[in-house]
Amino acid sequence: MTTQLDEPRVKQWSREEYYQLAEEGYFRGKRVQLIDGEIIEMAPQKHPHAMALSIVSRWARATFEPGDWVREQMPLNVGRASDPEPDVAVVQGPLASHTDHPTTALLIIEIADSSRDIDRKKSGLYASAAINEYWIVNIRELTIEVYREPHIDAGARFGHRYEKVIILRLGDVATPLVRPDATLAVADVFK
């Protein structure tokens, strides 16, 4: 018996299928990410995004331990159907200790301009990976959104959400949980 679909369905991709498509050249010249089985094409980086990324990356390298790995726009293995590439991920331990893409991080930072809504949706994904702290540098609103305390929530996308959300504005400073002695002035990010 042949089964017919009553309505069209969206194809959900696995990480393995996603990497196979990449190997076959389907994404050549494009910035894409796999989020919850969907392949999302990212917009080209505008100057404010590139500047904020440079500032935040430099700050992270100066702030975290020399043995930690500050990764820029590299995949994070957070499940069978997701392979996000956060703008900055601070991963514990030296580079050589990882044999595949890391599955968690000490801190994730996304720079959001046109990707703001997607980056907010990703909060549940990062919470599901037990990432204790996630920041969104919101270029449109000149804020840093700080997400903390991942929590199971069956009604949330990815089954998780962050319990605490703090909005930092110009004049405020961000302090990572794992480095309470370090600060990043919000105004410094938007120079």
N, C-alpha and C. Protein backbone atom coordinates (compact mmCIF):
# COMPACT_ATOMS: atom_id res chain seq x y z
N MET A 1 0.85 -1.17 0.00
CA MET A 1 0.00 0.00 0.00
C MET A 1 0.90 1.24 0.00
N THR A 2 0.62 2.18 -0.87
CA THR A 2 1.39 3.42 -0.97
C THR A 2 0.73 4.49 -0.12
N THR A 3 1.54 5.17 0.64
CA THR A 3 1.04 6.25 1.49
C THR A 3 1.21 7.58 0.76
N GLN A 4 0.15 8.34 0.70
CA GLN A 4 0.22 9.66 0.09
C GLN A 4 0.16 10.71 1.19
N LEU A 5 0.85 11.81 0.95
CA LEU A 5 0.80 12.92 1.89
C LEU A 5 -0.41 13.78 1.58
N ASP A 6 -1.14 14.15 2.61
CA ASP A 6 -2.27 15.05 2.41
C ASP A 6 -1.79 16.47 2.16
N GLU A 7 -0.70 16.84 2.80
CA GLU A 7 -0.16 18.19 2.66
C GLU A 7 1.36 18.11 2.54
N PRO A 8 1.96 19.13 1.94
CA PRO A 8 3.42 19.13 1.87
C PRO A 8 4.03 19.19 3.27
N ARG A 9 5.21 18.61 3.41
CA ARG A 9 5.91 18.64 4.68
C ARG A 9 7.29 19.25 4.47
N VAL A 10 7.80 19.86 5.52
CA VAL A 10 9.15 20.39 5.50
C VAL A 10 10.11 19.23 5.77
N LYS A 11 11.16 19.13 5.00
CA LYS A 11 12.17 18.10 5.21
C LYS A 11 13.02 18.48 6.41
N GLN A 12 13.12 17.61 7.38
CA GLN A 12 13.97 17.82 8.55
C GLN A 12 15.30 17.13 8.29
N TRP A 13 16.38 17.89 8.37
CA TRP A 13 17.72 17.39 8.08
C TRP A 13 18.43 16.98 9.35
N SER A 14 19.24 15.94 9.28
CA SER A 14 20.10 15.54 10.39
C SER A 14 21.47 16.19 10.18
N ARG A 15 22.29 16.15 11.21
CA ARG A 15 23.66 16.67 11.08
C ARG A 15 24.42 15.91 10.00
N GLU A 16 24.23 14.59 9.94
CA GLU A 16 24.93 13.78 8.94
C GLU A 16 24.54 14.19 7.52
N GLU A 17 23.24 14.38 7.28
CA GLU A 17 22.77 14.81 5.96
C GLU A 17 23.28 16.21 5.63
N TYR A 18 23.27 17.07 6.62
CA TYR A 18 23.75 18.44 6.45
C TYR A 18 25.22 18.46 6.01
N TYR A 19 26.05 17.64 6.68
CA TYR A 19 27.47 17.59 6.32
C TYR A 19 27.67 16.95 4.94
N GLN A 20 26.81 16.00 4.60
CA GLN A 20 26.90 15.39 3.27
C GLN A 20 26.60 16.43 2.19
N LEU A 21 25.56 17.23 2.41
CA LEU A 21 25.24 18.31 1.46
C LEU A 21 26.40 19.29 1.33
N ALA A 22 27.03 19.61 2.45
CA ALA A 22 28.17 20.53 2.43
C ALA A 22 29.31 19.93 1.62
N GLU A 23 29.60 18.65 1.83
CA GLU A 23 30.66 17.98 1.08
C GLU A 23 30.38 17.97 -0.42
N GLU A 24 29.10 17.90 -0.78
CA GLU A 24 28.72 17.89 -2.20
C GLU A 24 28.68 19.29 -2.80
N GLY A 25 28.97 20.31 -1.99
CA GLY A 25 29.09 21.66 -2.51
C GLY A 25 27.81 22.48 -2.54
N TYR A 26 26.75 22.01 -1.90
CA TYR A 26 25.48 22.74 -1.95
C TYR A 26 25.54 24.11 -1.27
N PHE A 27 26.43 24.29 -0.34
CA PHE A 27 26.48 25.55 0.41
C PHE A 27 27.66 26.42 0.03
N ARG A 28 28.34 26.08 -1.03
CA ARG A 28 29.54 26.82 -1.43
C ARG A 28 29.22 28.32 -1.55
N GLY A 29 30.01 29.13 -0.85
CA GLY A 29 29.84 30.58 -0.90
C GLY A 29 28.71 31.10 -0.04
N LYS A 30 28.10 30.25 0.78
CA LYS A 30 26.98 30.68 1.62
C LYS A 30 27.30 30.41 3.08
N ARG A 31 26.71 31.22 3.94
CA ARG A 31 26.81 31.01 5.39
C ARG A 31 25.50 30.36 5.82
N VAL A 32 25.59 29.11 6.27
CA VAL A 32 24.39 28.38 6.67
C VAL A 32 24.60 27.75 8.04
N GLN A 33 23.49 27.44 8.69
CA GLN A 33 23.50 26.75 9.97
C GLN A 33 22.34 25.76 9.97
N LEU A 34 22.51 24.66 10.68
CA LEU A 34 21.44 23.69 10.87
C LEU A 34 20.87 23.92 12.26
N ILE A 35 19.60 24.31 12.31
CA ILE A 35 18.92 24.57 13.58
C ILE A 35 17.62 23.78 13.60
N ASP A 36 17.54 22.82 14.50
CA ASP A 36 16.33 22.01 14.66
C ASP A 36 15.89 21.38 13.35
N GLY A 37 16.85 20.87 12.58
CA GLY A 37 16.53 20.18 11.33
C GLY A 37 16.31 21.08 10.13
N GLU A 38 16.37 22.39 10.33
CA GLU A 38 16.19 23.33 9.23
C GLU A 38 17.53 23.96 8.86
N ILE A 39 17.79 24.06 7.56
CA ILE A 39 19.00 24.71 7.09
C ILE A 39 18.67 26.18 6.89
N ILE A 40 19.36 27.03 7.65
CA ILE A 40 19.08 28.46 7.62
C ILE A 40 20.24 29.18 6.96
N GLU A 41 19.94 29.94 5.92
CA GLU A 41 20.96 30.74 5.26
C GLU A 41 21.03 32.09 5.96
N MET A 42 22.23 32.44 6.38
CA MET A 42 22.45 33.67 7.11
C MET A 42 22.76 34.81 6.15
N ALA A 43 22.34 36.01 6.52
CA ALA A 43 22.62 37.20 5.72
C ALA A 43 24.11 37.53 5.79
N PRO A 44 24.64 38.20 4.80
CA PRO A 44 26.04 38.63 4.87
C PRO A 44 26.24 39.56 6.08
N GLN A 45 27.44 39.54 6.63
CA GLN A 45 27.74 40.38 7.77
C GLN A 45 27.91 41.83 7.35
N LYS A 46 27.20 42.70 8.02
CA LYS A 46 27.37 44.14 7.80
C LYS A 46 28.47 44.63 8.74
N HIS A 47 28.92 45.84 8.51
CA HIS A 47 30.03 46.39 9.28
C HIS A 47 29.77 46.39 10.79
N PRO A 48 28.60 46.82 11.29
CA PRO A 48 28.39 46.80 12.75
C PRO A 48 28.53 45.40 13.35
N HIS A 49 28.08 44.38 12.62
CA HIS A 49 28.22 43.00 13.09
C HIS A 49 29.69 42.62 13.17
N ALA A 50 30.44 42.91 12.11
CA ALA A 50 31.86 42.57 12.08
C ALA A 50 32.63 43.29 13.18
N MET A 51 32.31 44.55 13.41
CA MET A 51 33.00 45.30 14.47
C MET A 51 32.69 44.72 15.85
N ALA A 52 31.41 44.46 16.13
CA ALA A 52 31.03 43.89 17.42
C ALA A 52 31.67 42.52 17.62
N LEU A 53 31.72 41.72 16.57
CA LEU A 53 32.35 40.40 16.65
C LEU A 53 33.84 40.54 16.99
N SER A 54 34.51 41.47 16.35
CA SER A 54 35.94 41.69 16.62
C SER A 54 36.17 42.13 18.06
N ILE A 55 35.36 43.04 18.55
CA ILE A 55 35.49 43.56 19.92
C ILE A 55 35.23 42.45 20.94
N VAL A 56 34.15 41.71 20.75
CA VAL A 56 33.79 40.65 21.70
C VAL A 56 34.82 39.52 21.68
N SER A 57 35.30 39.16 20.51
CA SER A 57 36.32 38.10 20.41
C SER A 57 37.60 38.50 21.11
N ARG A 58 38.03 39.73 20.89
CA ARG A 58 39.25 40.21 21.54
C ARG A 58 39.07 40.21 23.06
N TRP A 59 37.90 40.67 23.54
CA TRP A 59 37.61 40.67 24.97
C TRP A 59 37.64 39.25 25.52
N ALA A 60 37.02 38.29 24.83
CA ALA A 60 36.97 36.90 25.31
C ALA A 60 38.37 36.30 25.41
N ARG A 61 39.20 36.56 24.42
CA ARG A 61 40.57 36.02 24.45
C ARG A 61 41.38 36.61 25.62
N ALA A 62 41.13 37.86 25.93
CA ALA A 62 41.85 38.50 27.04
C ALA A 62 41.28 38.09 28.40
N THR A 63 40.03 37.66 28.43
CA THR A 63 39.32 37.40 29.68
C THR A 63 39.46 35.97 30.17
N PHE A 64 39.38 35.01 29.27
CA PHE A 64 39.35 33.61 29.69
C PHE A 64 40.75 33.02 29.78
N GLU A 65 40.83 31.87 30.41
CA GLU A 65 42.10 31.21 30.66
C GLU A 65 42.80 30.87 29.34
N PRO A 66 44.13 30.92 29.33
CA PRO A 66 44.87 30.59 28.10
C PRO A 66 44.56 29.18 27.59
N GLY A 67 44.19 28.27 28.48
CA GLY A 67 43.87 26.90 28.06
C GLY A 67 42.48 26.75 27.49
N ASP A 68 41.62 27.75 27.66
CA ASP A 68 40.28 27.68 27.09
C ASP A 68 40.34 28.03 25.61
N TRP A 69 39.36 27.60 24.89
CA TRP A 69 39.33 27.75 23.44
C TRP A 69 38.24 28.75 23.08
N VAL A 70 38.65 29.92 22.60
CA VAL A 70 37.69 30.93 22.12
C VAL A 70 37.51 30.68 20.63
N ARG A 71 36.31 30.26 20.26
CA ARG A 71 36.01 29.87 18.89
C ARG A 71 35.11 30.92 18.24
N GLU A 72 35.42 31.29 17.02
CA GLU A 72 34.60 32.24 16.27
C GLU A 72 33.91 31.52 15.12
N GLN A 73 32.59 31.60 15.11
CA GLN A 73 31.77 31.10 14.02
C GLN A 73 32.15 29.69 13.60
N MET A 74 32.27 28.82 14.60
CA MET A 74 32.56 27.40 14.38
C MET A 74 31.41 26.57 14.93
N PRO A 75 31.15 25.40 14.34
CA PRO A 75 30.02 24.58 14.76
C PRO A 75 30.10 24.11 16.21
N LEU A 76 28.92 23.95 16.78
CA LEU A 76 28.75 23.40 18.11
C LEU A 76 27.77 22.24 17.97
N ASN A 77 28.17 21.06 18.39
CA ASN A 77 27.35 19.86 18.25
C ASN A 77 26.37 19.78 19.41
N VAL A 78 25.18 20.29 19.19
CA VAL A 78 24.19 20.31 20.27
C VAL A 78 22.98 19.43 19.98
N GLY A 79 23.19 18.38 19.24
CA GLY A 79 22.11 17.45 19.00
C GLY A 79 22.12 16.90 17.59
N ARG A 80 21.28 15.90 17.37
CA ARG A 80 21.23 15.21 16.09
C ARG A 80 20.79 16.11 14.94
N ALA A 81 19.98 17.13 15.24
CA ALA A 81 19.41 17.95 14.17
C ALA A 81 19.81 19.42 14.26
N SER A 82 20.87 19.73 15.00
CA SER A 82 21.29 21.13 15.12
C SER A 82 22.82 21.22 15.12
N ASP A 83 23.30 22.19 14.40
CA ASP A 83 24.74 22.44 14.31
C ASP A 83 24.95 23.95 14.17
N PRO A 84 24.59 24.71 15.22
CA PRO A 84 24.73 26.16 15.12
C PRO A 84 26.19 26.57 15.07
N GLU A 85 26.45 27.75 14.57
CA GLU A 85 27.79 28.31 14.53
C GLU A 85 27.77 29.65 15.25
N PRO A 86 27.79 29.61 16.59
CA PRO A 86 27.72 30.87 17.33
C PRO A 86 28.88 31.79 16.98
N ASP A 87 28.63 33.08 17.06
CA ASP A 87 29.68 34.05 16.73
C ASP A 87 30.89 33.84 17.62
N VAL A 88 30.67 33.65 18.91
CA VAL A 88 31.78 33.37 19.84
C VAL A 88 31.30 32.28 20.80
N ALA A 89 32.14 31.27 20.97
CA ALA A 89 31.90 30.23 21.97
C ALA A 89 33.19 30.05 22.75
N VAL A 90 33.08 30.13 24.06
CA VAL A 90 34.24 29.88 24.91
C VAL A 90 34.08 28.46 25.44
N VAL A 91 34.98 27.59 25.02
CA VAL A 91 34.92 26.18 25.34
C VAL A 91 36.03 25.84 26.32
N GLN A 92 35.68 25.08 27.35
CA GLN A 92 36.67 24.73 28.38
C GLN A 92 37.67 23.72 27.84
N GLY A 93 38.91 23.92 28.22
CA GLY A 93 39.95 22.97 27.87
C GLY A 93 40.67 23.35 26.59
N PRO A 94 41.85 22.82 26.42
CA PRO A 94 42.64 23.17 25.24
C PRO A 94 42.08 22.55 23.96
N LEU A 95 42.43 23.13 22.88
CA LEU A 95 42.02 22.70 21.55
C LEU A 95 42.25 21.21 21.34
N ALA A 96 43.41 20.71 21.73
CA ALA A 96 43.78 19.32 21.49
C ALA A 96 42.89 18.32 22.24
N SER A 97 42.16 18.76 23.25
CA SER A 97 41.33 17.83 24.01
C SER A 97 40.00 17.52 23.31
N HIS A 98 39.74 18.15 22.18
CA HIS A 98 38.47 17.93 21.46
C HIS A 98 38.73 17.14 20.18
N THR A 99 38.02 16.03 20.03
CA THR A 99 38.16 15.22 18.82
C THR A 99 37.02 15.46 17.84
N ASP A 100 36.02 16.21 18.23
CA ASP A 100 34.89 16.59 17.38
C ASP A 100 34.46 17.97 17.82
N HIS A 101 33.43 18.51 17.16
CA HIS A 101 32.90 19.80 17.58
C HIS A 101 32.44 19.68 19.03
N PRO A 102 32.72 20.68 19.86
CA PRO A 102 32.28 20.63 21.27
C PRO A 102 30.76 20.53 21.37
N THR A 103 30.32 19.96 22.48
CA THR A 103 28.88 19.81 22.71
C THR A 103 28.35 20.82 23.72
N THR A 104 29.24 21.57 24.34
CA THR A 104 28.83 22.58 25.30
C THR A 104 29.89 23.68 25.34
N ALA A 105 29.61 24.72 26.11
CA ALA A 105 30.54 25.85 26.21
C ALA A 105 30.34 26.54 27.55
N LEU A 106 31.36 27.27 27.96
CA LEU A 106 31.26 28.09 29.17
C LEU A 106 30.37 29.30 28.93
N LEU A 107 30.46 29.84 27.71
CA LEU A 107 29.71 31.05 27.34
C LEU A 107 29.54 31.05 25.82
N ILE A 108 28.33 31.36 25.39
CA ILE A 108 28.04 31.55 23.96
C ILE A 108 27.64 33.01 23.78
N ILE A 109 28.17 33.64 22.73
CA ILE A 109 27.79 35.02 22.41
C ILE A 109 27.41 35.07 20.93
N GLU A 110 26.21 35.54 20.66
CA GLU A 110 25.76 35.78 19.29
C GLU A 110 25.69 37.29 19.07
N ILE A 111 26.11 37.73 17.90
CA ILE A 111 25.97 39.13 17.49
C ILE A 111 24.73 39.18 16.62
N ALA A 112 23.73 39.94 17.02
CA ALA A 112 22.44 39.91 16.34
C ALA A 112 22.10 41.25 15.70
N ASP A 113 21.88 41.20 14.42
CA ASP A 113 21.33 42.34 13.68
C ASP A 113 20.13 41.77 12.94
N SER A 114 20.31 41.31 11.73
CA SER A 114 19.21 40.69 11.00
C SER A 114 18.86 39.32 11.58
N SER A 115 19.74 38.71 12.35
CA SER A 115 19.52 37.38 12.92
C SER A 115 18.91 37.40 14.32
N ARG A 116 18.47 38.56 14.78
CA ARG A 116 18.01 38.69 16.17
C ARG A 116 16.93 37.67 16.54
N ASP A 117 15.92 37.50 15.71
CA ASP A 117 14.84 36.58 16.06
C ASP A 117 15.33 35.13 16.10
N ILE A 118 16.17 34.76 15.16
CA ILE A 118 16.74 33.41 15.15
C ILE A 118 17.61 33.21 16.39
N ASP A 119 18.42 34.21 16.72
CA ASP A 119 19.30 34.09 17.89
C ASP A 119 18.48 33.96 19.18
N ARG A 120 17.35 34.62 19.25
CA ARG A 120 16.49 34.47 20.44
C ARG A 120 15.90 33.06 20.49
N LYS A 121 15.52 32.51 19.34
CA LYS A 121 15.00 31.14 19.31
C LYS A 121 16.08 30.14 19.73
N LYS A 122 17.32 30.45 19.38
CA LYS A 122 18.42 29.54 19.72
C LYS A 122 18.65 29.46 21.23
N SER A 123 18.08 30.36 22.00
CA SER A 123 18.30 30.31 23.45
C SER A 123 17.85 28.96 24.02
N GLY A 124 16.73 28.45 23.56
CA GLY A 124 16.26 27.13 24.03
C GLY A 124 17.20 26.01 23.62
N LEU A 125 17.77 26.13 22.43
CA LEU A 125 18.74 25.14 21.95
C LEU A 125 19.97 25.12 22.86
N TYR A 126 20.49 26.31 23.15
CA TYR A 126 21.67 26.40 24.02
C TYR A 126 21.35 25.96 25.45
N ALA A 127 20.15 26.28 25.92
CA ALA A 127 19.74 25.82 27.25
C ALA A 127 19.66 24.29 27.28
N SER A 128 19.20 23.68 26.19
CA SER A 128 19.11 22.21 26.13
C SER A 128 20.49 21.55 26.15
N ALA A 129 21.53 22.29 25.77
CA ALA A 129 22.90 21.78 25.79
C ALA A 129 23.59 22.09 27.13
N ALA A 130 22.83 22.53 28.11
CA ALA A 130 23.34 22.84 29.46
C ALA A 130 24.40 23.94 29.44
N ILE A 131 24.25 24.88 28.53
CA ILE A 131 25.16 26.03 28.49
C ILE A 131 24.59 27.04 29.48
N ASN A 132 25.35 27.29 30.54
CA ASN A 132 24.84 28.09 31.65
C ASN A 132 24.62 29.55 31.33
N GLU A 133 25.30 30.04 30.29
CA GLU A 133 25.18 31.47 30.00
C GLU A 133 25.26 31.72 28.50
N TYR A 134 24.34 32.53 28.02
CA TYR A 134 24.23 32.86 26.60
C TYR A 134 23.95 34.35 26.49
N TRP A 135 24.76 35.04 25.68
CA TRP A 135 24.56 36.48 25.47
C TRP A 135 24.19 36.75 24.02
N ILE A 136 23.27 37.69 23.84
CA ILE A 136 22.97 38.20 22.51
C ILE A 136 23.36 39.68 22.50
N VAL A 137 24.34 40.02 21.68
CA VAL A 137 24.72 41.42 21.48
C VAL A 137 23.75 41.95 20.42
N ASN A 138 22.78 42.72 20.88
CA ASN A 138 21.67 43.18 20.04
C ASN A 138 22.03 44.54 19.43
N ILE A 139 22.47 44.50 18.19
CA ILE A 139 22.93 45.70 17.50
C ILE A 139 21.79 46.70 17.30
N ARG A 140 20.62 46.23 17.00
CA ARG A 140 19.47 47.13 16.74
C ARG A 140 19.09 47.95 17.96
N GLU A 141 19.18 47.34 19.14
CA GLU A 141 18.73 48.00 20.36
C GLU A 141 19.87 48.47 21.26
N LEU A 142 21.12 48.25 20.82
CA LEU A 142 22.31 48.64 21.58
C LEU A 142 22.27 48.07 23.00
N THR A 143 21.96 46.77 23.08
CA THR A 143 21.87 46.08 24.36
C THR A 143 22.63 44.76 24.29
N ILE A 144 22.87 44.19 25.45
CA ILE A 144 23.32 42.81 25.55
C ILE A 144 22.26 42.07 26.36
N GLU A 145 21.67 41.05 25.74
CA GLU A 145 20.69 40.22 26.42
C GLU A 145 21.45 39.06 27.06
N VAL A 146 21.33 38.91 28.37
CA VAL A 146 22.05 37.87 29.10
C VAL A 146 21.04 36.81 29.53
N TYR A 147 21.27 35.57 29.10
CA TYR A 147 20.40 34.44 29.42
C TYR A 147 21.18 33.51 30.36
N ARG A 148 20.54 33.18 31.50
CA ARG A 148 21.20 32.34 32.50
C ARG A 148 20.23 31.32 33.09
N GLU A 149 20.80 30.30 33.69
CA GLU A 149 20.07 29.26 34.41
C GLU A 149 19.18 28.44 33.47
N PRO A 150 19.79 27.55 32.69
CA PRO A 150 18.99 26.68 31.82
C PRO A 150 18.04 25.82 32.64
N HIS A 151 16.85 25.62 32.11
CA HIS A 151 15.78 24.99 32.87
C HIS A 151 14.95 24.13 31.91
N ILE A 152 14.56 22.95 32.34
CA ILE A 152 13.67 22.11 31.53
C ILE A 152 12.29 22.73 31.51
N ASP A 153 11.71 22.82 30.32
CA ASP A 153 10.36 23.36 30.15
C ASP A 153 9.75 22.65 28.95
N ALA A 154 8.89 21.68 29.21
CA ALA A 154 8.31 20.87 28.14
C ALA A 154 7.59 21.71 27.09
N GLY A 155 7.09 22.87 27.47
CA GLY A 155 6.36 23.71 26.53
C GLY A 155 7.24 24.61 25.68
N ALA A 156 8.52 24.67 25.98
CA ALA A 156 9.44 25.56 25.26
C ALA A 156 10.03 24.84 24.05
N ARG A 157 10.42 25.63 23.08
CA ARG A 157 11.11 25.05 21.92
C ARG A 157 12.38 24.38 22.44
N PHE A 158 12.69 23.22 21.97
CA PHE A 158 13.83 22.40 22.38
C PHE A 158 13.66 21.85 23.79
N GLY A 159 12.49 22.05 24.42
CA GLY A 159 12.22 21.49 25.74
C GLY A 159 12.96 22.16 26.89
N HIS A 160 13.59 23.30 26.60
CA HIS A 160 14.36 24.03 27.61
C HIS A 160 14.21 25.53 27.39
N ARG A 161 14.50 26.26 28.44
CA ARG A 161 14.56 27.72 28.35
C ARG A 161 15.48 28.21 29.46
N TYR A 162 15.81 29.47 29.39
CA TYR A 162 16.60 30.08 30.46
C TYR A 162 15.66 30.72 31.45
N GLU A 163 15.94 30.48 32.72
CA GLU A 163 15.12 31.01 33.81
C GLU A 163 15.28 32.52 33.95
N LYS A 164 16.52 33.01 33.77
CA LYS A 164 16.81 34.42 33.96
C LYS A 164 17.19 35.07 32.64
N VAL A 165 16.59 36.23 32.36
CA VAL A 165 16.97 37.04 31.20
C VAL A 165 17.18 38.46 31.72
N ILE A 166 18.38 38.97 31.47
CA ILE A 166 18.74 40.32 31.92
C ILE A 166 19.08 41.14 30.68
N ILE A 167 18.52 42.34 30.57
CA ILE A 167 18.82 43.23 29.46
C ILE A 167 19.76 44.32 29.97
N LEU A 168 20.96 44.34 29.40
CA LEU A 168 21.96 45.35 29.77
C LEU A 168 21.99 46.43 28.70
N ARG A 169 22.01 47.68 29.14
CA ARG A 169 21.97 48.83 28.23
C ARG A 169 23.29 49.60 28.29
N LEU A 170 23.41 50.58 27.42
CA LEU A 170 24.59 51.45 27.46
C LEU A 170 24.74 51.97 28.88
N GLY A 171 25.94 51.96 29.40
CA GLY A 171 26.19 52.36 30.78
C GLY A 171 26.30 51.17 31.72
N ASP A 172 25.76 50.00 31.31
CA ASP A 172 25.87 48.78 32.11
C ASP A 172 27.12 48.00 31.71
N VAL A 173 27.44 47.01 32.53
CA VAL A 173 28.54 46.10 32.20
C VAL A 173 28.04 44.66 32.30
N ALA A 174 28.57 43.81 31.43
CA ALA A 174 28.27 42.38 31.45
C ALA A 174 29.41 41.67 32.17
N THR A 175 29.05 40.72 33.00
CA THR A 175 30.04 39.94 33.75
C THR A 175 29.70 38.46 33.57
N PRO A 176 30.60 37.68 32.99
CA PRO A 176 30.32 36.25 32.81
C PRO A 176 30.31 35.50 34.15
N LEU A 177 29.41 34.54 34.28
CA LEU A 177 29.31 33.77 35.52
C LEU A 177 30.62 33.08 35.87
N VAL A 178 31.30 32.54 34.86
CA VAL A 178 32.52 31.78 35.14
C VAL A 178 33.74 32.66 35.38
N ARG A 179 33.61 33.95 35.14
CA ARG A 179 34.70 34.91 35.40
C ARG A 179 34.12 36.16 36.05
N PRO A 180 33.65 36.07 37.29
CA PRO A 180 32.98 37.21 37.94
C PRO A 180 33.87 38.43 38.14
N ASP A 181 35.19 38.26 37.97
CA ASP A 181 36.11 39.39 38.09
C ASP A 181 36.26 40.15 36.77
N ALA A 182 35.70 39.63 35.70
CA ALA A 182 35.84 40.25 34.38
C ALA A 182 34.57 40.99 33.99
N THR A 183 34.74 42.09 33.28
CA THR A 183 33.57 42.85 32.82
C THR A 183 33.75 43.26 31.36
N LEU A 184 32.62 43.47 30.72
CA LEU A 184 32.58 44.00 29.37
C LEU A 184 31.56 45.13 29.39
N ALA A 185 32.02 46.34 29.16
CA ALA A 185 31.10 47.49 29.13
C ALA A 185 30.26 47.41 27.86
N VAL A 186 28.95 47.52 28.01
CA VAL A 186 28.07 47.45 26.84
C VAL A 186 28.46 48.53 25.83
N ALA A 187 28.75 49.73 26.29
CA ALA A 187 29.12 50.83 25.38
C ALA A 187 30.36 50.51 24.57
N ASP A 188 31.29 49.72 25.13
CA ASP A 188 32.51 49.38 24.40
C ASP A 188 32.25 48.52 23.18
N VAL A 189 31.17 47.73 23.22
CA VAL A 189 30.83 46.85 22.10
C VAL A 189 30.31 47.64 20.90
N PHE A 190 29.68 48.78 21.17
CA PHE A 190 29.02 49.55 20.11
C PHE A 190 29.78 50.80 19.72
N LYS A 191 31.08 50.77 19.83
CA LYS A 191 31.90 51.94 19.46
C LYS A 191 31.82 52.20 17.98
